[in-house]
Amino acid sequence: MRTVAIIVAGGSGTRFGAQLPKQFLELGGIPILMRTIEAFGENGDGSFDVIVTLPQGHMELWRQLCREYGFEVPHRVVAGGETRWHSVKNALVSIGDISDVDVIAIHDGVRPLATPELIDRVLDAARRDGAAIPVVPLNDSVRQVVGTSSHALDRSSLRAVQTPQAFDACLLLDAYSQPYQPTFTDDASVIEQLDRPVTLVEGDPVNLKITRPMDLALAEYLLNQDA
């Protein structure tokens, strides 16, 4: 059976403030997106089929970067869509026949530090339960804002959600046959629309999402510590 990894890299990087979208900025000497792909291309027995979603306007830039850096980890690229949901939908359509696919994992293109151990935990839970996502506890106090007022929430009952999120292939395709809704903030929320439970597994604080310059600096530090 095949395992498919969809890496969503359609962000424009406006919050980062760089000229290039952040997935193309260097981390440890190569673009962030290449490090993310490597996390799956080098995982386990190398059985992942890797699909990367990119905006149409970034396709040629990505081809140039792959040539420039001699990047040869097998993957294929499909055009993203208006939202993350649409990008994942495009990737799923591109798979075609899923009769030999057991699990599909979906991962943020700017989470380059996912470890094999984390990926395996999520995949094992998805194979067992059908749907699994990694989560980590919250360290900060949190408040819910309603209009001009707010109130504290019990952070012990809250978790921050990471990727990769992994699902039984047939279940995921069934979920993505639903019409798009703005409440679909991640793939787990699409699954839950079918009233299917999602298993939470232990995430990894190192598996950070690079959104702002200080995230990139932290990722560089963590990468150097692991070297």
N, C-alpha and C. Protein backbone atom coordinates (compact mmCIF):
# COMPACT_ATOMS: atom_id res chain seq x y z
N MET A 1 0.84 -1.20 0.00
CA MET A 1 0.00 0.00 0.00
C MET A 1 0.88 1.26 0.00
N ARG A 2 0.38 2.29 -0.67
CA ARG A 2 1.10 3.56 -0.71
C ARG A 2 0.62 4.48 0.41
N THR A 3 1.50 5.33 0.87
CA THR A 3 1.15 6.41 1.78
C THR A 3 1.48 7.72 1.09
N VAL A 4 0.51 8.61 1.05
CA VAL A 4 0.67 9.88 0.35
C VAL A 4 0.86 11.01 1.36
N ALA A 5 1.79 11.89 1.09
CA ALA A 5 1.97 13.11 1.89
C ALA A 5 1.68 14.31 1.01
N ILE A 6 0.71 15.11 1.41
CA ILE A 6 0.39 16.36 0.72
C ILE A 6 1.00 17.50 1.53
N ILE A 7 1.89 18.25 0.91
CA ILE A 7 2.53 19.38 1.58
C ILE A 7 1.97 20.66 0.99
N VAL A 8 1.29 21.42 1.83
CA VAL A 8 0.58 22.62 1.39
C VAL A 8 1.51 23.82 1.54
N ALA A 9 1.86 24.43 0.43
CA ALA A 9 2.83 25.54 0.44
C ALA A 9 2.33 26.68 -0.43
N GLY A 10 1.11 27.13 -0.14
CA GLY A 10 0.52 28.15 -0.97
C GLY A 10 0.53 29.54 -0.38
N GLY A 11 1.18 29.72 0.77
CA GLY A 11 1.14 31.02 1.43
C GLY A 11 1.93 32.09 0.70
N SER A 12 1.47 33.32 0.83
CA SER A 12 2.17 34.45 0.20
C SER A 12 3.23 35.06 1.11
N GLY A 13 3.16 34.75 2.42
CA GLY A 13 4.18 35.23 3.34
C GLY A 13 4.06 36.70 3.68
N THR A 14 2.88 37.28 3.58
CA THR A 14 2.73 38.71 3.83
C THR A 14 3.08 39.09 5.27
N ARG A 15 2.77 38.21 6.23
CA ARG A 15 3.07 38.51 7.63
C ARG A 15 4.57 38.45 7.90
N PHE A 16 5.28 37.71 7.07
CA PHE A 16 6.72 37.58 7.28
C PHE A 16 7.47 38.84 6.88
N GLY A 17 6.97 39.52 5.83
CA GLY A 17 7.56 40.78 5.42
C GLY A 17 8.76 40.65 4.51
N ALA A 18 9.00 39.45 3.94
CA ALA A 18 10.12 39.27 3.03
C ALA A 18 9.67 39.42 1.58
N GLN A 19 10.64 39.60 0.68
CA GLN A 19 10.31 39.72 -0.73
C GLN A 19 9.80 38.40 -1.29
N LEU A 20 10.40 37.30 -0.86
CA LEU A 20 9.97 35.97 -1.29
C LEU A 20 8.97 35.41 -0.30
N PRO A 21 8.00 34.60 -0.76
CA PRO A 21 7.17 33.85 0.19
C PRO A 21 8.06 33.03 1.11
N LYS A 22 7.67 32.91 2.36
CA LYS A 22 8.57 32.36 3.37
C LYS A 22 8.98 30.92 3.10
N GLN A 23 8.16 30.14 2.37
CA GLN A 23 8.52 28.75 2.11
C GLN A 23 9.77 28.64 1.23
N PHE A 24 10.15 29.74 0.57
CA PHE A 24 11.32 29.73 -0.31
C PHE A 24 12.55 30.34 0.35
N LEU A 25 12.42 30.86 1.56
CA LEU A 25 13.57 31.41 2.27
C LEU A 25 14.46 30.29 2.77
N GLU A 26 15.73 30.59 2.97
CA GLU A 26 16.69 29.57 3.39
C GLU A 26 16.58 29.26 4.88
N LEU A 27 16.72 27.99 5.19
CA LEU A 27 16.86 27.50 6.56
C LEU A 27 18.00 26.48 6.54
N GLY A 28 19.09 26.82 7.19
CA GLY A 28 20.22 25.90 7.17
C GLY A 28 20.80 25.68 5.79
N GLY A 29 20.73 26.72 4.95
CA GLY A 29 21.37 26.65 3.65
C GLY A 29 20.53 26.19 2.49
N ILE A 30 19.29 25.77 2.75
CA ILE A 30 18.39 25.40 1.66
C ILE A 30 17.00 25.98 1.95
N PRO A 31 16.15 26.14 0.93
CA PRO A 31 14.82 26.68 1.18
C PRO A 31 14.01 25.84 2.18
N ILE A 32 13.21 26.52 2.97
CA ILE A 32 12.38 25.88 3.99
C ILE A 32 11.58 24.72 3.41
N LEU A 33 10.96 24.94 2.26
CA LEU A 33 10.11 23.91 1.66
C LEU A 33 10.90 22.65 1.35
N MET A 34 12.16 22.79 0.96
CA MET A 34 12.96 21.60 0.69
C MET A 34 13.18 20.80 1.96
N ARG A 35 13.41 21.48 3.07
CA ARG A 35 13.58 20.77 4.34
C ARG A 35 12.29 20.05 4.72
N THR A 36 11.16 20.67 4.46
CA THR A 36 9.88 20.04 4.78
C THR A 36 9.69 18.78 3.95
N ILE A 37 9.98 18.87 2.66
CA ILE A 37 9.84 17.69 1.78
C ILE A 37 10.79 16.59 2.24
N GLU A 38 12.01 16.96 2.63
CA GLU A 38 12.98 15.96 3.09
C GLU A 38 12.48 15.18 4.29
N ALA A 39 11.71 15.84 5.15
CA ALA A 39 11.20 15.16 6.35
C ALA A 39 10.34 13.95 5.97
N PHE A 40 9.68 14.03 4.82
CA PHE A 40 8.86 12.91 4.37
C PHE A 40 9.61 12.03 3.37
N GLY A 41 10.44 12.64 2.54
CA GLY A 41 11.18 11.86 1.56
C GLY A 41 12.18 10.93 2.19
N GLU A 42 12.66 11.28 3.40
CA GLU A 42 13.66 10.47 4.08
C GLU A 42 13.07 9.68 5.24
N ASN A 43 11.76 9.71 5.42
CA ASN A 43 11.15 9.07 6.58
C ASN A 43 10.98 7.57 6.37
N GLY A 44 11.31 6.81 7.39
CA GLY A 44 11.01 5.38 7.39
C GLY A 44 11.59 4.67 6.18
N ASP A 45 10.72 3.91 5.50
CA ASP A 45 11.19 3.13 4.35
C ASP A 45 11.07 3.90 3.04
N GLY A 46 10.80 5.21 3.15
CA GLY A 46 10.73 6.03 1.94
C GLY A 46 9.52 5.75 1.08
N SER A 47 8.44 5.30 1.70
CA SER A 47 7.27 4.87 0.94
C SER A 47 6.28 5.99 0.65
N PHE A 48 6.61 7.22 1.03
CA PHE A 48 5.71 8.34 0.79
C PHE A 48 5.71 8.75 -0.68
N ASP A 49 4.52 8.97 -1.22
CA ASP A 49 4.37 9.71 -2.47
C ASP A 49 4.11 11.16 -2.06
N VAL A 50 5.02 12.05 -2.38
CA VAL A 50 4.93 13.43 -1.91
C VAL A 50 4.33 14.32 -3.00
N ILE A 51 3.27 15.04 -2.64
CA ILE A 51 2.63 16.01 -3.52
C ILE A 51 2.74 17.37 -2.86
N VAL A 52 3.23 18.35 -3.59
CA VAL A 52 3.38 19.71 -3.07
C VAL A 52 2.41 20.63 -3.81
N THR A 53 1.63 21.41 -3.06
CA THR A 53 0.74 22.38 -3.70
C THR A 53 1.39 23.76 -3.64
N LEU A 54 1.46 24.41 -4.79
CA LEU A 54 2.04 25.74 -4.90
C LEU A 54 1.12 26.64 -5.73
N PRO A 55 1.12 27.94 -5.47
CA PRO A 55 0.40 28.85 -6.37
C PRO A 55 0.95 28.75 -7.79
N GLN A 56 0.09 28.88 -8.76
CA GLN A 56 0.52 28.78 -10.15
C GLN A 56 1.68 29.72 -10.45
N GLY A 57 1.64 30.90 -9.85
CA GLY A 57 2.67 31.89 -10.12
C GLY A 57 4.03 31.57 -9.53
N HIS A 58 4.10 30.55 -8.68
CA HIS A 58 5.38 30.19 -8.05
C HIS A 58 5.97 28.91 -8.63
N MET A 59 5.31 28.32 -9.61
CA MET A 59 5.78 27.05 -10.15
C MET A 59 7.18 27.18 -10.76
N GLU A 60 7.38 28.18 -11.58
CA GLU A 60 8.67 28.33 -12.25
C GLU A 60 9.77 28.67 -11.25
N LEU A 61 9.45 29.51 -10.25
CA LEU A 61 10.42 29.81 -9.21
C LEU A 61 10.87 28.54 -8.51
N TRP A 62 9.92 27.65 -8.21
CA TRP A 62 10.27 26.40 -7.54
C TRP A 62 11.16 25.52 -8.41
N ARG A 63 10.86 25.46 -9.70
CA ARG A 63 11.70 24.68 -10.61
C ARG A 63 13.13 25.24 -10.64
N GLN A 64 13.24 26.57 -10.65
CA GLN A 64 14.55 27.20 -10.65
C GLN A 64 15.32 26.88 -9.38
N LEU A 65 14.62 26.94 -8.24
CA LEU A 65 15.27 26.65 -6.96
C LEU A 65 15.73 25.20 -6.89
N CYS A 66 14.92 24.28 -7.41
CA CYS A 66 15.32 22.86 -7.40
C CYS A 66 16.58 22.66 -8.23
N ARG A 67 16.67 23.35 -9.36
CA ARG A 67 17.89 23.26 -10.18
C ARG A 67 19.08 23.89 -9.45
N GLU A 68 18.85 25.07 -8.87
CA GLU A 68 19.93 25.80 -8.21
C GLU A 68 20.52 25.03 -7.04
N TYR A 69 19.66 24.38 -6.25
CA TYR A 69 20.12 23.68 -5.06
C TYR A 69 20.34 22.19 -5.31
N GLY A 70 20.14 21.74 -6.54
CA GLY A 70 20.32 20.32 -6.85
C GLY A 70 19.39 19.44 -6.05
N PHE A 71 18.15 19.89 -5.88
CA PHE A 71 17.20 19.17 -5.03
C PHE A 71 16.56 18.04 -5.82
N GLU A 72 16.74 16.81 -5.34
CA GLU A 72 16.30 15.65 -6.10
C GLU A 72 15.39 14.71 -5.33
N VAL A 73 14.90 15.13 -4.15
CA VAL A 73 13.95 14.29 -3.42
C VAL A 73 12.68 14.16 -4.25
N PRO A 74 12.24 12.95 -4.57
CA PRO A 74 11.08 12.78 -5.46
C PRO A 74 9.82 13.44 -4.91
N HIS A 75 9.16 14.22 -5.74
CA HIS A 75 7.89 14.84 -5.41
C HIS A 75 7.28 15.35 -6.70
N ARG A 76 6.00 15.63 -6.65
CA ARG A 76 5.37 16.30 -7.79
C ARG A 76 4.57 17.49 -7.29
N VAL A 77 4.39 18.44 -8.17
CA VAL A 77 3.78 19.72 -7.79
C VAL A 77 2.44 19.86 -8.50
N VAL A 78 1.44 20.32 -7.75
CA VAL A 78 0.14 20.65 -8.33
C VAL A 78 -0.22 22.07 -7.93
N ALA A 79 -1.05 22.69 -8.73
CA ALA A 79 -1.47 24.07 -8.44
C ALA A 79 -2.37 24.10 -7.22
N GLY A 80 -2.12 25.06 -6.35
CA GLY A 80 -2.98 25.27 -5.20
C GLY A 80 -4.27 25.97 -5.59
N GLY A 81 -5.04 26.34 -4.58
CA GLY A 81 -6.31 26.99 -4.84
C GLY A 81 -6.47 28.24 -4.01
N GLU A 82 -7.69 28.74 -3.97
CA GLU A 82 -7.99 30.00 -3.30
C GLU A 82 -7.72 29.92 -1.81
N THR A 83 -8.00 28.78 -1.19
CA THR A 83 -7.78 28.58 0.23
C THR A 83 -7.00 27.28 0.44
N ARG A 84 -6.61 27.03 1.68
CA ARG A 84 -5.93 25.78 1.99
C ARG A 84 -6.80 24.59 1.60
N TRP A 85 -8.09 24.68 1.90
CA TRP A 85 -9.03 23.59 1.56
C TRP A 85 -8.99 23.30 0.07
N HIS A 86 -9.03 24.34 -0.75
CA HIS A 86 -9.02 24.14 -2.19
C HIS A 86 -7.70 23.55 -2.66
N SER A 87 -6.60 23.92 -2.02
CA SER A 87 -5.31 23.36 -2.38
C SER A 87 -5.27 21.86 -2.09
N VAL A 88 -5.74 21.48 -0.90
CA VAL A 88 -5.78 20.06 -0.56
C VAL A 88 -6.70 19.30 -1.51
N LYS A 89 -7.82 19.89 -1.82
CA LYS A 89 -8.76 19.27 -2.77
C LYS A 89 -8.08 19.02 -4.11
N ASN A 90 -7.35 19.99 -4.62
CA ASN A 90 -6.63 19.82 -5.89
C ASN A 90 -5.63 18.67 -5.81
N ALA A 91 -4.93 18.59 -4.69
CA ALA A 91 -3.95 17.51 -4.52
C ALA A 91 -4.64 16.15 -4.48
N LEU A 92 -5.76 16.07 -3.80
CA LEU A 92 -6.49 14.81 -3.72
C LEU A 92 -6.98 14.37 -5.10
N VAL A 93 -7.49 15.31 -5.87
CA VAL A 93 -7.95 14.99 -7.22
C VAL A 93 -6.80 14.45 -8.07
N SER A 94 -5.60 15.01 -7.85
CA SER A 94 -4.45 14.61 -8.66
C SER A 94 -3.98 13.19 -8.37
N ILE A 95 -4.37 12.64 -7.23
CA ILE A 95 -3.94 11.28 -6.88
C ILE A 95 -4.58 10.25 -7.81
N GLY A 96 -5.84 10.52 -8.19
CA GLY A 96 -6.53 9.57 -9.05
C GLY A 96 -6.99 8.35 -8.26
N ASP A 97 -6.66 7.17 -8.73
CA ASP A 97 -7.08 5.92 -8.09
C ASP A 97 -6.41 5.79 -6.73
N ILE A 98 -7.21 5.62 -5.68
CA ILE A 98 -6.64 5.48 -4.33
C ILE A 98 -6.77 4.06 -3.80
N SER A 99 -7.06 3.12 -4.67
CA SER A 99 -7.28 1.75 -4.21
C SER A 99 -6.05 1.15 -3.53
N ASP A 100 -4.85 1.67 -3.85
CA ASP A 100 -3.63 1.17 -3.22
C ASP A 100 -3.04 2.16 -2.23
N VAL A 101 -3.84 3.16 -1.80
CA VAL A 101 -3.40 4.16 -0.82
C VAL A 101 -4.07 3.87 0.51
N ASP A 102 -3.28 3.72 1.57
CA ASP A 102 -3.88 3.47 2.88
C ASP A 102 -4.16 4.75 3.64
N VAL A 103 -3.13 5.59 3.79
CA VAL A 103 -3.25 6.80 4.60
C VAL A 103 -2.72 7.99 3.81
N ILE A 104 -3.38 9.14 4.00
CA ILE A 104 -2.91 10.39 3.41
C ILE A 104 -2.59 11.36 4.55
N ALA A 105 -1.36 11.85 4.56
CA ALA A 105 -0.94 12.84 5.55
C ALA A 105 -0.90 14.21 4.89
N ILE A 106 -1.29 15.23 5.62
CA ILE A 106 -1.30 16.60 5.10
C ILE A 106 -0.48 17.46 6.05
N HIS A 107 0.46 18.21 5.48
CA HIS A 107 1.43 18.92 6.30
C HIS A 107 1.65 20.33 5.77
N ASP A 108 1.89 21.26 6.69
CA ASP A 108 2.20 22.64 6.32
C ASP A 108 3.59 22.72 5.71
N GLY A 109 3.70 23.43 4.60
CA GLY A 109 4.99 23.58 3.94
C GLY A 109 6.02 24.31 4.76
N VAL A 110 5.57 25.09 5.74
CA VAL A 110 6.50 25.87 6.57
C VAL A 110 6.62 25.29 7.98
N ARG A 111 6.45 23.97 8.07
CA ARG A 111 6.82 23.23 9.30
C ARG A 111 7.95 22.27 8.91
N PRO A 112 9.17 22.78 8.83
CA PRO A 112 10.27 21.96 8.30
C PRO A 112 10.94 21.04 9.31
N LEU A 113 10.57 21.09 10.58
CA LEU A 113 11.30 20.34 11.61
C LEU A 113 10.52 19.15 12.15
N ALA A 114 9.54 18.66 11.40
CA ALA A 114 8.80 17.46 11.83
C ALA A 114 9.75 16.27 11.84
N THR A 115 9.77 15.53 12.93
CA THR A 115 10.69 14.41 13.07
C THR A 115 10.04 13.11 12.58
N PRO A 116 10.86 12.11 12.23
CA PRO A 116 10.29 10.80 11.87
C PRO A 116 9.43 10.22 12.97
N GLU A 117 9.81 10.45 14.24
CA GLU A 117 9.04 9.91 15.35
C GLU A 117 7.64 10.52 15.40
N LEU A 118 7.55 11.83 15.19
CA LEU A 118 6.25 12.50 15.18
C LEU A 118 5.41 11.98 14.02
N ILE A 119 6.00 11.93 12.83
CA ILE A 119 5.26 11.47 11.66
C ILE A 119 4.74 10.05 11.88
N ASP A 120 5.58 9.19 12.43
CA ASP A 120 5.17 7.81 12.66
C ASP A 120 4.03 7.71 13.68
N ARG A 121 4.09 8.53 14.73
CA ARG A 121 3.01 8.52 15.73
C ARG A 121 1.67 8.85 15.10
N VAL A 122 1.67 9.87 14.27
CA VAL A 122 0.43 10.30 13.64
C VAL A 122 -0.07 9.23 12.65
N LEU A 123 0.84 8.69 11.86
CA LEU A 123 0.44 7.66 10.89
C LEU A 123 -0.09 6.41 11.57
N ASP A 124 0.57 5.98 12.63
CA ASP A 124 0.11 4.78 13.34
C ASP A 124 -1.30 4.97 13.89
N ALA A 125 -1.57 6.16 14.46
CA ALA A 125 -2.90 6.43 15.00
C ALA A 125 -3.94 6.51 13.90
N ALA A 126 -3.57 7.09 12.76
CA ALA A 126 -4.51 7.19 11.64
C ALA A 126 -4.84 5.81 11.08
N ARG A 127 -3.85 4.94 11.00
CA ARG A 127 -4.11 3.57 10.51
C ARG A 127 -5.01 2.82 11.48
N ARG A 128 -4.87 3.10 12.75
CA ARG A 128 -5.68 2.42 13.76
C ARG A 128 -7.09 2.99 13.86
N ASP A 129 -7.19 4.34 13.85
CA ASP A 129 -8.46 5.00 14.16
C ASP A 129 -9.11 5.72 12.99
N GLY A 130 -8.38 5.91 11.91
CA GLY A 130 -8.95 6.57 10.74
C GLY A 130 -8.61 8.04 10.60
N ALA A 131 -8.36 8.72 11.73
CA ALA A 131 -8.06 10.16 11.69
C ALA A 131 -7.24 10.52 12.92
N ALA A 132 -6.13 11.22 12.70
CA ALA A 132 -5.25 11.57 13.82
C ALA A 132 -4.55 12.89 13.56
N ILE A 133 -4.38 13.68 14.63
CA ILE A 133 -3.68 14.96 14.53
C ILE A 133 -2.77 15.13 15.75
N PRO A 134 -1.61 15.79 15.57
CA PRO A 134 -0.73 16.05 16.71
C PRO A 134 -1.12 17.36 17.40
N VAL A 135 -1.04 17.34 18.72
CA VAL A 135 -1.38 18.54 19.50
C VAL A 135 -0.35 18.72 20.60
N VAL A 136 -0.23 19.98 21.06
CA VAL A 136 0.65 20.30 22.18
C VAL A 136 -0.11 21.18 23.17
N PRO A 137 0.24 21.09 24.47
CA PRO A 137 -0.41 21.94 25.46
C PRO A 137 -0.09 23.42 25.23
N LEU A 138 -0.94 24.28 25.74
CA LEU A 138 -0.70 25.72 25.68
C LEU A 138 0.09 26.16 26.90
N ASN A 139 1.07 27.00 26.69
CA ASN A 139 1.87 27.52 27.80
C ASN A 139 1.32 28.83 28.34
N ASP A 140 0.74 29.65 27.47
CA ASP A 140 0.26 30.97 27.87
C ASP A 140 -1.17 30.89 28.38
N SER A 141 -1.52 31.82 29.23
CA SER A 141 -2.93 31.99 29.58
C SER A 141 -3.69 32.47 28.35
N VAL A 142 -4.95 32.07 28.24
CA VAL A 142 -5.74 32.44 27.07
C VAL A 142 -7.06 33.06 27.51
N ARG A 143 -7.55 33.96 26.67
CA ARG A 143 -8.82 34.61 26.93
C ARG A 143 -9.66 34.58 25.66
N GLN A 144 -10.97 34.44 25.85
CA GLN A 144 -11.90 34.51 24.72
C GLN A 144 -12.49 35.90 24.67
N VAL A 145 -12.41 36.54 23.52
CA VAL A 145 -12.91 37.90 23.34
C VAL A 145 -14.28 37.83 22.67
N VAL A 146 -15.24 38.48 23.28
CA VAL A 146 -16.59 38.58 22.73
C VAL A 146 -16.97 40.05 22.73
N GLY A 147 -16.99 40.64 21.53
CA GLY A 147 -17.29 42.07 21.45
C GLY A 147 -16.21 42.87 22.14
N THR A 148 -16.61 43.67 23.11
CA THR A 148 -15.65 44.50 23.84
C THR A 148 -15.24 43.89 25.18
N SER A 149 -15.73 42.70 25.48
CA SER A 149 -15.40 42.05 26.75
C SER A 149 -14.62 40.76 26.47
N SER A 150 -14.06 40.20 27.53
CA SER A 150 -13.33 38.95 27.40
C SER A 150 -13.40 38.19 28.71
N HIS A 151 -13.08 36.90 28.65
CA HIS A 151 -13.02 36.11 29.87
C HIS A 151 -11.97 35.02 29.70
N ALA A 152 -11.40 34.62 30.84
CA ALA A 152 -10.34 33.62 30.82
C ALA A 152 -10.90 32.25 30.51
N LEU A 153 -10.10 31.45 29.80
CA LEU A 153 -10.43 30.06 29.52
C LEU A 153 -9.45 29.15 30.26
N ASP A 154 -9.91 27.96 30.58
CA ASP A 154 -9.07 26.98 31.26
C ASP A 154 -8.13 26.36 30.23
N ARG A 155 -6.86 26.76 30.26
CA ARG A 155 -5.94 26.28 29.24
C ARG A 155 -5.64 24.79 29.36
N SER A 156 -5.92 24.20 30.54
CA SER A 156 -5.64 22.78 30.70
C SER A 156 -6.53 21.92 29.80
N SER A 157 -7.64 22.50 29.35
CA SER A 157 -8.56 21.76 28.48
C SER A 157 -8.35 22.11 27.00
N LEU A 158 -7.34 22.95 26.70
CA LEU A 158 -7.10 23.40 25.33
C LEU A 158 -5.78 22.84 24.81
N ARG A 159 -5.71 22.66 23.50
CA ARG A 159 -4.50 22.20 22.86
C ARG A 159 -4.26 22.98 21.57
N ALA A 160 -3.01 23.21 21.24
CA ALA A 160 -2.64 23.80 19.96
C ALA A 160 -2.45 22.68 18.95
N VAL A 161 -2.98 22.84 17.77
CA VAL A 161 -2.98 21.79 16.75
C VAL A 161 -1.81 21.99 15.79
N GLN A 162 -1.13 20.91 15.46
CA GLN A 162 -0.03 20.93 14.51
C GLN A 162 -0.38 20.10 13.28
N THR A 163 0.57 19.99 12.39
CA THR A 163 0.53 19.03 11.31
C THR A 163 1.86 18.25 11.37
N PRO A 164 1.93 17.04 10.76
CA PRO A 164 0.98 16.47 9.81
C PRO A 164 -0.28 15.93 10.48
N GLN A 165 -1.39 16.08 9.76
CA GLN A 165 -2.63 15.43 10.12
C GLN A 165 -2.82 14.28 9.13
N ALA A 166 -3.21 13.12 9.62
CA ALA A 166 -3.26 11.94 8.76
C ALA A 166 -4.62 11.25 8.86
N PHE A 167 -5.05 10.68 7.73
CA PHE A 167 -6.39 10.13 7.64
C PHE A 167 -6.43 8.91 6.72
N ASP A 168 -7.35 8.02 7.02
CA ASP A 168 -7.66 6.96 6.08
C ASP A 168 -8.00 7.59 4.73
N ALA A 169 -7.45 7.06 3.66
CA ALA A 169 -7.58 7.70 2.35
C ALA A 169 -9.04 7.82 1.91
N CYS A 170 -9.82 6.75 2.07
CA CYS A 170 -11.23 6.79 1.63
C CYS A 170 -12.03 7.79 2.47
N LEU A 171 -11.74 7.83 3.77
CA LEU A 171 -12.44 8.78 4.65
C LEU A 171 -12.13 10.21 4.24
N LEU A 172 -10.85 10.49 3.93
CA LEU A 172 -10.47 11.85 3.57
C LEU A 172 -11.13 12.28 2.26
N LEU A 173 -11.16 11.40 1.28
CA LEU A 173 -11.81 11.74 0.02
C LEU A 173 -13.30 11.97 0.21
N ASP A 174 -13.90 11.18 1.05
CA ASP A 174 -15.32 11.36 1.35
C ASP A 174 -15.56 12.72 1.99
N ALA A 175 -14.68 13.09 2.93
CA ALA A 175 -14.83 14.38 3.62
C ALA A 175 -14.67 15.54 2.65
N TYR A 176 -13.72 15.42 1.73
CA TYR A 176 -13.47 16.51 0.79
C TYR A 176 -14.45 16.52 -0.39
N SER A 177 -15.41 15.62 -0.38
CA SER A 177 -16.49 15.70 -1.37
C SER A 177 -17.58 16.67 -0.91
N GLN A 178 -17.48 17.13 0.35
CA GLN A 178 -18.42 18.12 0.87
C GLN A 178 -18.14 19.49 0.27
N PRO A 179 -19.14 20.34 0.19
CA PRO A 179 -18.90 21.71 -0.26
C PRO A 179 -18.01 22.45 0.73
N TYR A 180 -17.24 23.39 0.23
CA TYR A 180 -16.37 24.19 1.08
C TYR A 180 -17.17 25.03 2.07
N GLN A 181 -16.65 25.12 3.29
CA GLN A 181 -17.22 26.00 4.30
C GLN A 181 -16.11 26.83 4.94
N PRO A 182 -16.36 28.09 5.25
CA PRO A 182 -15.32 28.92 5.88
C PRO A 182 -14.85 28.38 7.23
N THR A 183 -15.64 27.53 7.86
CA THR A 183 -15.25 26.96 9.15
C THR A 183 -14.22 25.84 9.02
N PHE A 184 -13.87 25.47 7.79
CA PHE A 184 -12.85 24.44 7.57
C PHE A 184 -11.47 25.08 7.74
N THR A 185 -10.99 25.10 8.98
CA THR A 185 -9.71 25.75 9.26
C THR A 185 -8.52 24.80 9.10
N ASP A 186 -8.79 23.51 9.20
CA ASP A 186 -7.77 22.50 8.94
C ASP A 186 -8.47 21.24 8.46
N ASP A 187 -7.71 20.19 8.22
CA ASP A 187 -8.29 18.97 7.66
C ASP A 187 -9.14 18.23 8.68
N ALA A 188 -8.76 18.31 9.96
CA ALA A 188 -9.56 17.67 10.99
C ALA A 188 -10.97 18.26 11.05
N SER A 189 -11.09 19.56 10.83
CA SER A 189 -12.42 20.18 10.87
C SER A 189 -13.28 19.71 9.71
N VAL A 190 -12.65 19.35 8.59
CA VAL A 190 -13.40 18.80 7.45
C VAL A 190 -13.91 17.40 7.79
N ILE A 191 -13.07 16.61 8.42
CA ILE A 191 -13.46 15.26 8.84
C ILE A 191 -14.59 15.32 9.85
N GLU A 192 -14.48 16.22 10.82
CA GLU A 192 -15.48 16.30 11.88
C GLU A 192 -16.85 16.71 11.37
N GLN A 193 -16.90 17.34 10.20
CA GLN A 193 -18.18 17.68 9.59
C GLN A 193 -18.97 16.43 9.24
N LEU A 194 -18.28 15.30 9.12
CA LEU A 194 -18.93 14.01 8.86
C LEU A 194 -19.30 13.30 10.16
N ASP A 195 -19.13 14.00 11.29
CA ASP A 195 -19.37 13.40 12.61
C ASP A 195 -18.45 12.22 12.89
N ARG A 196 -17.22 12.32 12.38
CA ARG A 196 -16.22 11.30 12.65
C ARG A 196 -15.25 11.80 13.70
N PRO A 197 -14.90 10.97 14.68
CA PRO A 197 -13.96 11.41 15.71
C PRO A 197 -12.54 11.52 15.17
N VAL A 198 -11.76 12.37 15.81
CA VAL A 198 -10.36 12.57 15.45
C VAL A 198 -9.51 12.27 16.68
N THR A 199 -8.54 11.39 16.52
CA THR A 199 -7.66 11.02 17.62
C THR A 199 -6.55 12.05 17.78
N LEU A 200 -6.31 12.47 19.03
CA LEU A 200 -5.22 13.39 19.34
C LEU A 200 -4.00 12.60 19.75
N VAL A 201 -2.86 12.93 19.16
CA VAL A 201 -1.61 12.29 19.55
C VAL A 201 -0.63 13.36 20.01
N GLU A 202 0.39 12.94 20.72
CA GLU A 202 1.38 13.88 21.25
C GLU A 202 2.14 14.56 20.12
N GLY A 203 2.09 15.88 20.11
CA GLY A 203 2.84 16.65 19.13
C GLY A 203 4.26 16.89 19.59
N ASP A 204 4.89 17.89 19.01
CA ASP A 204 6.29 18.17 19.31
C ASP A 204 6.49 19.69 19.29
N PRO A 205 6.91 20.29 20.42
CA PRO A 205 7.13 21.74 20.44
C PRO A 205 8.13 22.21 19.40
N VAL A 206 9.06 21.34 18.99
CA VAL A 206 10.06 21.72 17.99
C VAL A 206 9.42 21.85 16.60
N ASN A 207 8.28 21.23 16.41
CA ASN A 207 7.60 21.22 15.10
C ASN A 207 6.89 22.56 14.88
N LEU A 208 7.65 23.63 14.90
CA LEU A 208 7.05 24.96 14.82
C LEU A 208 6.69 25.33 13.39
N LYS A 209 5.71 26.20 13.28
CA LYS A 209 5.30 26.74 11.98
C LYS A 209 5.97 28.09 11.81
N ILE A 210 6.70 28.25 10.72
CA ILE A 210 7.44 29.48 10.50
C ILE A 210 6.51 30.52 9.89
N THR A 211 6.16 31.50 10.70
CA THR A 211 5.22 32.54 10.29
C THR A 211 5.87 33.91 10.28
N ARG A 212 6.75 34.15 11.24
CA ARG A 212 7.40 35.46 11.39
C ARG A 212 8.91 35.28 11.46
N PRO A 213 9.67 36.37 11.27
CA PRO A 213 11.13 36.26 11.27
C PRO A 213 11.70 35.59 12.52
N MET A 214 11.10 35.83 13.69
CA MET A 214 11.66 35.21 14.89
C MET A 214 11.47 33.70 14.88
N ASP A 215 10.44 33.19 14.16
CA ASP A 215 10.25 31.75 14.02
C ASP A 215 11.40 31.15 13.21
N LEU A 216 11.82 31.86 12.18
CA LEU A 216 12.92 31.38 11.35
C LEU A 216 14.22 31.36 12.15
N ALA A 217 14.42 32.39 12.96
CA ALA A 217 15.62 32.44 13.79
C ALA A 217 15.63 31.28 14.79
N LEU A 218 14.47 30.98 15.37
CA LEU A 218 14.38 29.86 16.31
C LEU A 218 14.62 28.54 15.60
N ALA A 219 14.07 28.39 14.40
CA ALA A 219 14.27 27.16 13.64
C ALA A 219 15.76 26.96 13.30
N GLU A 220 16.45 28.05 12.96
CA GLU A 220 17.89 27.96 12.70
C GLU A 220 18.64 27.48 13.94
N TYR A 221 18.26 28.04 15.09
CA TYR A 221 18.89 27.63 16.34
C TYR A 221 18.66 26.15 16.62
N LEU A 222 17.40 25.72 16.48
CA LEU A 222 17.08 24.31 16.75
C LEU A 222 17.79 23.38 15.79
N LEU A 223 17.89 23.81 14.54
CA LEU A 223 18.58 23.00 13.53
C LEU A 223 20.06 22.85 13.88
N ASN A 224 20.67 23.94 14.34
CA ASN A 224 22.08 23.90 14.71
C ASN A 224 22.31 23.03 15.97
N GLN A 225 21.34 23.04 16.88
CA GLN A 225 21.46 22.23 18.08
C GLN A 225 21.41 20.74 17.73
N ASP A 226 20.68 20.41 16.69
CA ASP A 226 20.51 19.01 16.30
C ASP A 226 21.63 18.53 15.40
N ALA A 227 22.45 19.47 14.92
CA ALA A 227 23.53 19.11 13.98
C ALA A 227 24.66 18.34 14.66
